[in-house]
Amino acid sequence: MAHQTMFGLGENAYPVLASPKAVFTIKGKEQPLTLSHPISKQAWTSQVMPVLSSLESIGYHYPEEEDI
């Protein structure tokens, strides 16, 4: 067990220890749809379900500025 990642501390830490953001890339849309993880049922129903047929990719990123 480690308090912080063993690959470095502070700005040198990898991977960033932050809550993930789900990033949905949608065909024909310039900006991806980014939602905090876990995605609420309401956000899934109102924002993700309508664009499921247009999804190009789903990924996760860990914002460095939110490192814990």
PDB file of N, CA and C in Angstrom:
ATOM      1  N   MET A   1       0.842  -1.167   0.000  1.00  0.00           N
ATOM      2  CA  MET A   1       0.000   0.000   0.000  1.00  0.00           C
ATOM      3  C   MET A   1       0.892   1.237   0.000  1.00  0.00           C
ATOM      4  N   ALA A   2       0.487   2.239  -0.726  1.00  0.00           N
ATOM      5  CA  ALA A   2       1.271   3.468  -0.818  1.00  0.00           C
ATOM      6  C   ALA A   2       0.361   4.668  -0.614  1.00  0.00           C
ATOM      7  N   HIS A   3       0.881   5.697   0.042  1.00  0.00           N
ATOM      8  CA  HIS A   3       0.117   6.921   0.255  1.00  0.00           C
ATOM      9  C   HIS A   3      -0.098   7.652  -1.078  1.00  0.00           C
ATOM     10  N   GLN A   4       0.941   7.738  -1.878  1.00  0.00           N
ATOM     11  CA  GLN A   4       0.895   8.370  -3.198  1.00  0.00           C
ATOM     12  C   GLN A   4       1.531   7.369  -4.156  1.00  0.00           C
ATOM     13  N   THR A   5       1.290   7.527  -5.405  1.00  0.00           N
ATOM     14  CA  THR A   5       1.853   6.598  -6.376  1.00  0.00           C
ATOM     15  C   THR A   5       3.361   6.463  -6.210  1.00  0.00           C
ATOM     16  N   MET A   6       3.880   5.294  -6.439  1.00  0.00           N
ATOM     17  CA  MET A   6       5.320   5.071  -6.267  1.00  0.00           C
ATOM     18  C   MET A   6       6.134   5.596  -7.445  1.00  0.00           C
ATOM     19  N   PHE A   7       5.508   6.146  -8.465  1.00  0.00           N
ATOM     20  CA  PHE A   7       6.211   6.642  -9.646  1.00  0.00           C
ATOM     21  C   PHE A   7       6.604   8.107  -9.537  1.00  0.00           C
ATOM     22  N   GLY A   8       6.367   8.725  -8.404  1.00  0.00           N
ATOM     23  CA  GLY A   8       6.744  10.119  -8.216  1.00  0.00           C
ATOM     24  C   GLY A   8       5.769  10.817  -7.301  1.00  0.00           C
ATOM     25  N   LEU A   9       6.071  12.051  -6.959  1.00  0.00           N
ATOM     26  CA  LEU A   9       5.213  12.827  -6.076  1.00  0.00           C
ATOM     27  C   LEU A   9       4.894  14.164  -6.713  1.00  0.00           C
ATOM     28  N   GLY A  10       3.782  14.765  -6.298  1.00  0.00           N
ATOM     29  CA  GLY A  10       3.407  16.078  -6.801  1.00  0.00           C
ATOM     30  C   GLY A  10       3.197  16.076  -8.294  1.00  0.00           C
ATOM     31  N   GLU A  11       3.820  17.031  -8.990  1.00  0.00           N
ATOM     32  CA  GLU A  11       3.651  17.140 -10.441  1.00  0.00           C
ATOM     33  C   GLU A  11       4.284  15.980 -11.192  1.00  0.00           C
ATOM     34  N   ASN A  12       5.147  15.209 -10.530  1.00  0.00           N
ATOM     35  CA  ASN A  12       5.799  14.069 -11.173  1.00  0.00           C
ATOM     36  C   ASN A  12       5.008  12.776 -11.004  1.00  0.00           C
ATOM     37  N   ALA A  13       3.884  12.832 -10.308  1.00  0.00           N
ATOM     38  CA  ALA A  13       3.104  11.634 -10.030  1.00  0.00           C
ATOM     39  C   ALA A  13       2.459  11.097 -11.303  1.00  0.00           C
ATOM     40  N   TYR A  14       2.485   9.800 -11.450  1.00  0.00           N
ATOM     41  CA  TYR A  14       1.810   9.160 -12.569  1.00  0.00           C
ATOM     42  C   TYR A  14       1.336   7.796 -12.100  1.00  0.00           C
ATOM     43  N   PRO A  15       0.130   7.397 -12.282  1.00  0.00           N
ATOM     44  CA  PRO A  15      -0.924   8.189 -12.895  1.00  0.00           C
ATOM     45  C   PRO A  15      -1.487   9.210 -11.910  1.00  0.00           C
ATOM     46  N   VAL A  16      -2.200  10.164 -12.428  1.00  0.00           N
ATOM     47  CA  VAL A  16      -2.849  11.175 -11.606  1.00  0.00           C
ATOM     48  C   VAL A  16      -3.930  10.490 -10.782  1.00  0.00           C
ATOM     49  N   LEU A  17      -3.989  10.809  -9.504  1.00  0.00           N
ATOM     50  CA  LEU A  17      -5.012  10.235  -8.632  1.00  0.00           C
ATOM     51  C   LEU A  17      -6.172  11.216  -8.555  1.00  0.00           C
ATOM     52  N   ALA A  18      -7.094  11.105  -9.483  1.00  0.00           N
ATOM     53  CA  ALA A  18      -8.261  11.993  -9.552  1.00  0.00           C
ATOM     54  C   ALA A  18      -9.469  11.172  -9.977  1.00  0.00           C
ATOM     55  N   SER A  19     -10.643  11.682  -9.682  1.00  0.00           N
ATOM     56  CA  SER A  19     -11.859  11.010 -10.141  1.00  0.00           C
ATOM     57  C   SER A  19     -11.898  11.067 -11.660  1.00  0.00           C
ATOM     58  N   PRO A  20     -12.194   9.928 -12.311  1.00  0.00           N
ATOM     59  CA  PRO A  20     -12.179   9.911 -13.767  1.00  0.00           C
ATOM     60  C   PRO A  20     -13.331  10.703 -14.382  1.00  0.00           C
ATOM     61  N   LYS A  21     -13.089  11.198 -15.585  1.00  0.00           N
ATOM     62  CA  LYS A  21     -14.106  11.865 -16.396  1.00  0.00           C
ATOM     63  C   LYS A  21     -14.329  10.984 -17.627  1.00  0.00           C
ATOM     64  N   ALA A  22     -15.577  10.644 -17.883  1.00  0.00           N
ATOM     65  CA  ALA A  22     -15.914   9.865 -19.073  1.00  0.00           C
ATOM     66  C   ALA A  22     -16.030  10.828 -20.252  1.00  0.00           C
ATOM     67  N   VAL A  23     -15.340  10.504 -21.351  1.00  0.00           N
ATOM     68  CA  VAL A  23     -15.327  11.362 -22.529  1.00  0.00           C
ATOM     69  C   VAL A  23     -15.938  10.589 -23.694  1.00  0.00           C
ATOM     70  N   PHE A  24     -17.057  11.085 -24.197  1.00  0.00           N
ATOM     71  CA  PHE A  24     -17.774  10.462 -25.306  1.00  0.00           C
ATOM     72  C   PHE A  24     -17.533  11.292 -26.559  1.00  0.00           C
ATOM     73  N   THR A  25     -16.867  10.714 -27.559  1.00  0.00           N
ATOM     74  CA  THR A  25     -16.646  11.399 -28.823  1.00  0.00           C
ATOM     75  C   THR A  25     -17.800  11.033 -29.753  1.00  0.00           C
ATOM     76  N   ILE A  26     -18.478  12.046 -30.244  1.00  0.00           N
ATOM     77  CA  ILE A  26     -19.701  11.851 -31.026  1.00  0.00           C
ATOM     78  C   ILE A  26     -19.479  12.361 -32.440  1.00  0.00           C
ATOM     79  N   LYS A  27     -19.862  11.549 -33.436  1.00  0.00           N
ATOM     80  CA  LYS A  27     -19.724  11.942 -34.843  1.00  0.00           C
ATOM     81  C   LYS A  27     -20.428  13.258 -35.105  1.00  0.00           C
ATOM     82  N   GLY A  28     -19.741  14.157 -35.815  1.00  0.00           N
ATOM     83  CA  GLY A  28     -20.336  15.420 -36.199  1.00  0.00           C
ATOM     84  C   GLY A  28     -20.379  16.472 -35.106  1.00  0.00           C
ATOM     85  N   LYS A  29     -19.888  16.151 -33.925  1.00  0.00           N
ATOM     86  CA  LYS A  29     -19.880  17.120 -32.835  1.00  0.00           C
ATOM     87  C   LYS A  29     -18.436  17.529 -32.558  1.00  0.00           C
ATOM     88  N   GLU A  30     -18.189  18.831 -32.537  1.00  0.00           N
ATOM     89  CA  GLU A  30     -16.830  19.339 -32.397  1.00  0.00           C
ATOM     90  C   GLU A  30     -16.227  19.036 -31.029  1.00  0.00           C
ATOM     91  N   GLN A  31     -16.988  19.247 -29.982  1.00  0.00           N
ATOM     92  CA  GLN A  31     -16.499  19.003 -28.620  1.00  0.00           C
ATOM     93  C   GLN A  31     -17.043  17.672 -28.104  1.00  0.00           C
ATOM     94  N   PRO A  32     -16.204  16.872 -27.439  1.00  0.00           N
ATOM     95  CA  PRO A  32     -16.728  15.633 -26.854  1.00  0.00           C
ATOM     96  C   PRO A  32     -17.628  15.927 -25.659  1.00  0.00           C
ATOM     97  N   LEU A  33     -18.477  14.998 -25.329  1.00  0.00           N
ATOM     98  CA  LEU A  33     -19.330  15.079 -24.153  1.00  0.00           C
ATOM     99  C   LEU A  33     -18.527  14.520 -22.987  1.00  0.00           C
ATOM    100  N   THR A  34     -18.304  15.317 -21.942  1.00  0.00           N
ATOM    101  CA  THR A  34     -17.512  14.890 -20.791  1.00  0.00           C
ATOM    102  C   THR A  34     -18.388  14.894 -19.552  1.00  0.00           C
ATOM    103  N   LEU A  35     -18.435  13.748 -18.870  1.00  0.00           N
ATOM    104  CA  LEU A  35     -19.255  13.604 -17.670  1.00  0.00           C
ATOM    105  C   LEU A  35     -18.420  13.012 -16.541  1.00  0.00           C
ATOM    106  N   SER A  36     -18.710  13.441 -15.309  1.00  0.00           N
ATOM    107  CA  SER A  36     -18.031  12.877 -14.142  1.00  0.00           C
ATOM    108  C   SER A  36     -18.444  11.425 -13.973  1.00  0.00           C
ATOM    109  N   HIS A  37     -17.511  10.626 -13.504  1.00  0.00           N
ATOM    110  CA  HIS A  37     -17.752   9.204 -13.294  1.00  0.00           C
ATOM    111  C   HIS A  37     -17.908   8.963 -11.810  1.00  0.00           C
ATOM    112  N   PRO A  38     -18.840   8.201 -11.308  1.00  0.00           N
ATOM    113  CA  PRO A  38     -19.812   7.450 -12.086  1.00  0.00           C
ATOM    114  C   PRO A  38     -20.892   8.359 -12.668  1.00  0.00           C
ATOM    115  N   ILE A  39     -21.373   7.973 -13.821  1.00  0.00           N
ATOM    116  CA  ILE A  39     -22.390   8.768 -14.523  1.00  0.00           C
ATOM    117  C   ILE A  39     -23.742   8.492 -13.881  1.00  0.00           C
ATOM    118  N   SER A  40     -24.437   9.545 -13.534  1.00  0.00           N
ATOM    119  CA  SER A  40     -25.754   9.377 -12.906  1.00  0.00           C
ATOM    120  C   SER A  40     -26.744   8.807 -13.921  1.00  0.00           C
ATOM    121  N   LYS A  41     -27.784   8.184 -13.408  1.00  0.00           N
ATOM    122  CA  LYS A  41     -28.822   7.625 -14.278  1.00  0.00           C
ATOM    123  C   LYS A  41     -29.474   8.735 -15.102  1.00  0.00           C
ATOM    124  N   GLN A  42     -29.689   9.898 -14.482  1.00  0.00           N
ATOM    125  CA  GLN A  42     -30.310  11.023 -15.184  1.00  0.00           C
ATOM    126  C   GLN A  42     -29.423  11.518 -16.327  1.00  0.00           C
ATOM    127  N   ALA A  43     -28.106  11.655 -16.082  1.00  0.00           N
ATOM    128  CA  ALA A  43     -27.186  12.097 -17.141  1.00  0.00           C
ATOM    129  C   ALA A  43     -27.118  11.060 -18.251  1.00  0.00           C
ATOM    130  N   TRP A  44     -27.108   9.777 -17.898  1.00  0.00           N
ATOM    131  CA  TRP A  44     -27.064   8.719 -18.912  1.00  0.00           C
ATOM    132  C   TRP A  44     -28.306   8.790 -19.801  1.00  0.00           C
ATOM    133  N   THR A  45     -29.472   8.923 -19.163  1.00  0.00           N
ATOM    134  CA  THR A  45     -30.735   8.944 -19.906  1.00  0.00           C
ATOM    135  C   THR A  45     -30.879  10.188 -20.775  1.00  0.00           C
ATOM    136  N   SER A  46     -30.502  11.351 -20.235  1.00  0.00           N
ATOM    137  CA  SER A  46     -30.751  12.596 -20.966  1.00  0.00           C
ATOM    138  C   SER A  46     -29.619  13.002 -21.919  1.00  0.00           C
ATOM    139  N   GLN A  47     -28.364  12.599 -21.644  1.00  0.00           N
ATOM    140  CA  GLN A  47     -27.243  13.058 -22.461  1.00  0.00           C
ATOM    141  C   GLN A  47     -26.568  11.972 -23.278  1.00  0.00           C
ATOM    142  N   VAL A  48     -26.510  10.751 -22.765  1.00  0.00           N
ATOM    143  CA  VAL A  48     -25.790   9.689 -23.474  1.00  0.00           C
ATOM    144  C   VAL A  48     -26.716   8.876 -24.377  1.00  0.00           C
ATOM    145  N   MET A  49     -27.844   8.438 -23.855  1.00  0.00           N
ATOM    146  CA  MET A  49     -28.757   7.601 -24.649  1.00  0.00           C
ATOM    147  C   MET A  49     -29.122   8.217 -25.999  1.00  0.00           C
ATOM    148  N   PRO A  50     -29.413   9.538 -26.076  1.00  0.00           N
ATOM    149  CA  PRO A  50     -29.795  10.109 -27.365  1.00  0.00           C
ATOM    150  C   PRO A  50     -28.685  10.071 -28.423  1.00  0.00           C
ATOM    151  N   VAL A  51     -27.429   9.924 -28.020  1.00  0.00           N
ATOM    152  CA  VAL A  51     -26.328   9.951 -28.994  1.00  0.00           C
ATOM    153  C   VAL A  51     -25.610   8.605 -29.137  1.00  0.00           C
ATOM    154  N   LEU A  52     -26.142   7.545 -28.529  1.00  0.00           N
ATOM    155  CA  LEU A  52     -25.469   6.244 -28.581  1.00  0.00           C
ATOM    156  C   LEU A  52     -25.182   5.769 -30.001  1.00  0.00           C
ATOM    157  N   SER A  53     -26.090   5.998 -30.916  1.00  0.00           N
ATOM    158  CA  SER A  53     -25.881   5.519 -32.288  1.00  0.00           C
ATOM    159  C   SER A  53     -24.816   6.340 -33.027  1.00  0.00           C
ATOM    160  N   SER A  54     -24.424   7.488 -32.488  1.00  0.00           N
ATOM    161  CA  SER A  54     -23.426   8.350 -33.127  1.00  0.00           C
ATOM    162  C   SER A  54     -22.065   8.326 -32.433  1.00  0.00           C
ATOM    163  N   LEU A  55     -21.890   7.457 -31.450  1.00  0.00           N
ATOM    164  CA  LEU A  55     -20.626   7.425 -30.711  1.00  0.00           C
ATOM    165  C   LEU A  55     -19.476   6.914 -31.565  1.00  0.00           C
ATOM    166  N   GLU A  56     -18.347   7.605 -31.502  1.00  0.00           N
ATOM    167  CA  GLU A  56     -17.119   7.140 -32.147  1.00  0.00           C
ATOM    168  C   GLU A  56     -16.220   6.439 -31.135  1.00  0.00           C
ATOM    169  N   SER A  57     -16.158   6.978 -29.916  1.00  0.00           N
ATOM    170  CA  SER A  57     -15.324   6.360 -28.893  1.00  0.00           C
ATOM    171  C   SER A  57     -15.758   6.818 -27.510  1.00  0.00           C
ATOM    172  N   ILE A  58     -15.372   6.013 -26.517  1.00  0.00           N
ATOM    173  CA  ILE A  58     -15.570   6.351 -25.115  1.00  0.00           C
ATOM    174  C   ILE A  58     -14.229   6.170 -24.435  1.00  0.00           C
ATOM    175  N   GLY A  59     -13.826   7.166 -23.675  1.00  0.00           N
ATOM    176  CA  GLY A  59     -12.559   7.072 -22.960  1.00  0.00           C
ATOM    177  C   GLY A  59     -12.678   7.733 -21.604  1.00  0.00           C
ATOM    178  N   TYR A  60     -11.633   7.631 -20.843  1.00  0.00           N
ATOM    179  CA  TYR A  60     -11.607   8.239 -19.517  1.00  0.00           C
ATOM    180  C   TYR A  60     -10.330   9.038 -19.380  1.00  0.00           C
ATOM    181  N   HIS A  61     -10.407  10.200 -18.747  1.00  0.00           N
ATOM    182  CA  HIS A  61      -9.196  10.927 -18.427  1.00  0.00           C
ATOM    183  C   HIS A  61      -9.270  11.391 -16.983  1.00  0.00           C
ATOM    184  N   TYR A  62      -8.099  11.640 -16.431  1.00  0.00           N
ATOM    185  CA  TYR A  62      -7.946  11.996 -15.032  1.00  0.00           C
ATOM    186  C   TYR A  62      -7.312  13.381 -14.977  1.00  0.00           C
ATOM    187  N   PRO A  63      -8.113  14.428 -14.750  1.00  0.00           N
ATOM    188  CA  PRO A  63      -7.602  15.795 -14.816  1.00  0.00           C
ATOM    189  C   PRO A  63      -6.486  16.045 -13.788  1.00  0.00           C
ATOM    190  N   GLU A  64      -5.347  16.480 -14.297  1.00  0.00           N
ATOM    191  CA  GLU A  64      -4.198  16.748 -13.457  1.00  0.00           C
ATOM    192  C   GLU A  64      -4.510  17.793 -12.392  1.00  0.00           C
ATOM    193  N   GLU A  65      -5.319  18.801 -12.743  1.00  0.00           N
ATOM    194  CA  GLU A  65      -5.647  19.859 -11.787  1.00  0.00           C
ATOM    195  C   GLU A  65      -6.535  19.366 -10.651  1.00  0.00           C
ATOM    196  N   GLU A  66      -7.105  18.143 -10.775  1.00  0.00           N
ATOM    197  CA  GLU A  66      -7.935  17.576  -9.726  1.00  0.00           C
ATOM    198  C   GLU A  66      -7.225  16.445  -8.974  1.00  0.00           C
ATOM    199  N   ASP A  67      -5.902  16.369  -9.117  1.00  0.00           N
ATOM    200  CA  ASP A  67      -5.100  15.336  -8.441  1.00  0.00           C
ATOM    201  C   ASP A  67      -5.306  15.413  -6.943  1.00  0.00           C
ATOM    202  N   ILE A  68      -5.556  14.263  -6.320  1.00  0.00           N
ATOM    203  CA  ILE A  68      -5.735  14.235  -4.880  1.00  0.00           C
ATOM    204  C   ILE A  68      -4.479  13.692  -4.223  1.00  0.00           C
TER     205      ILE A  68
END
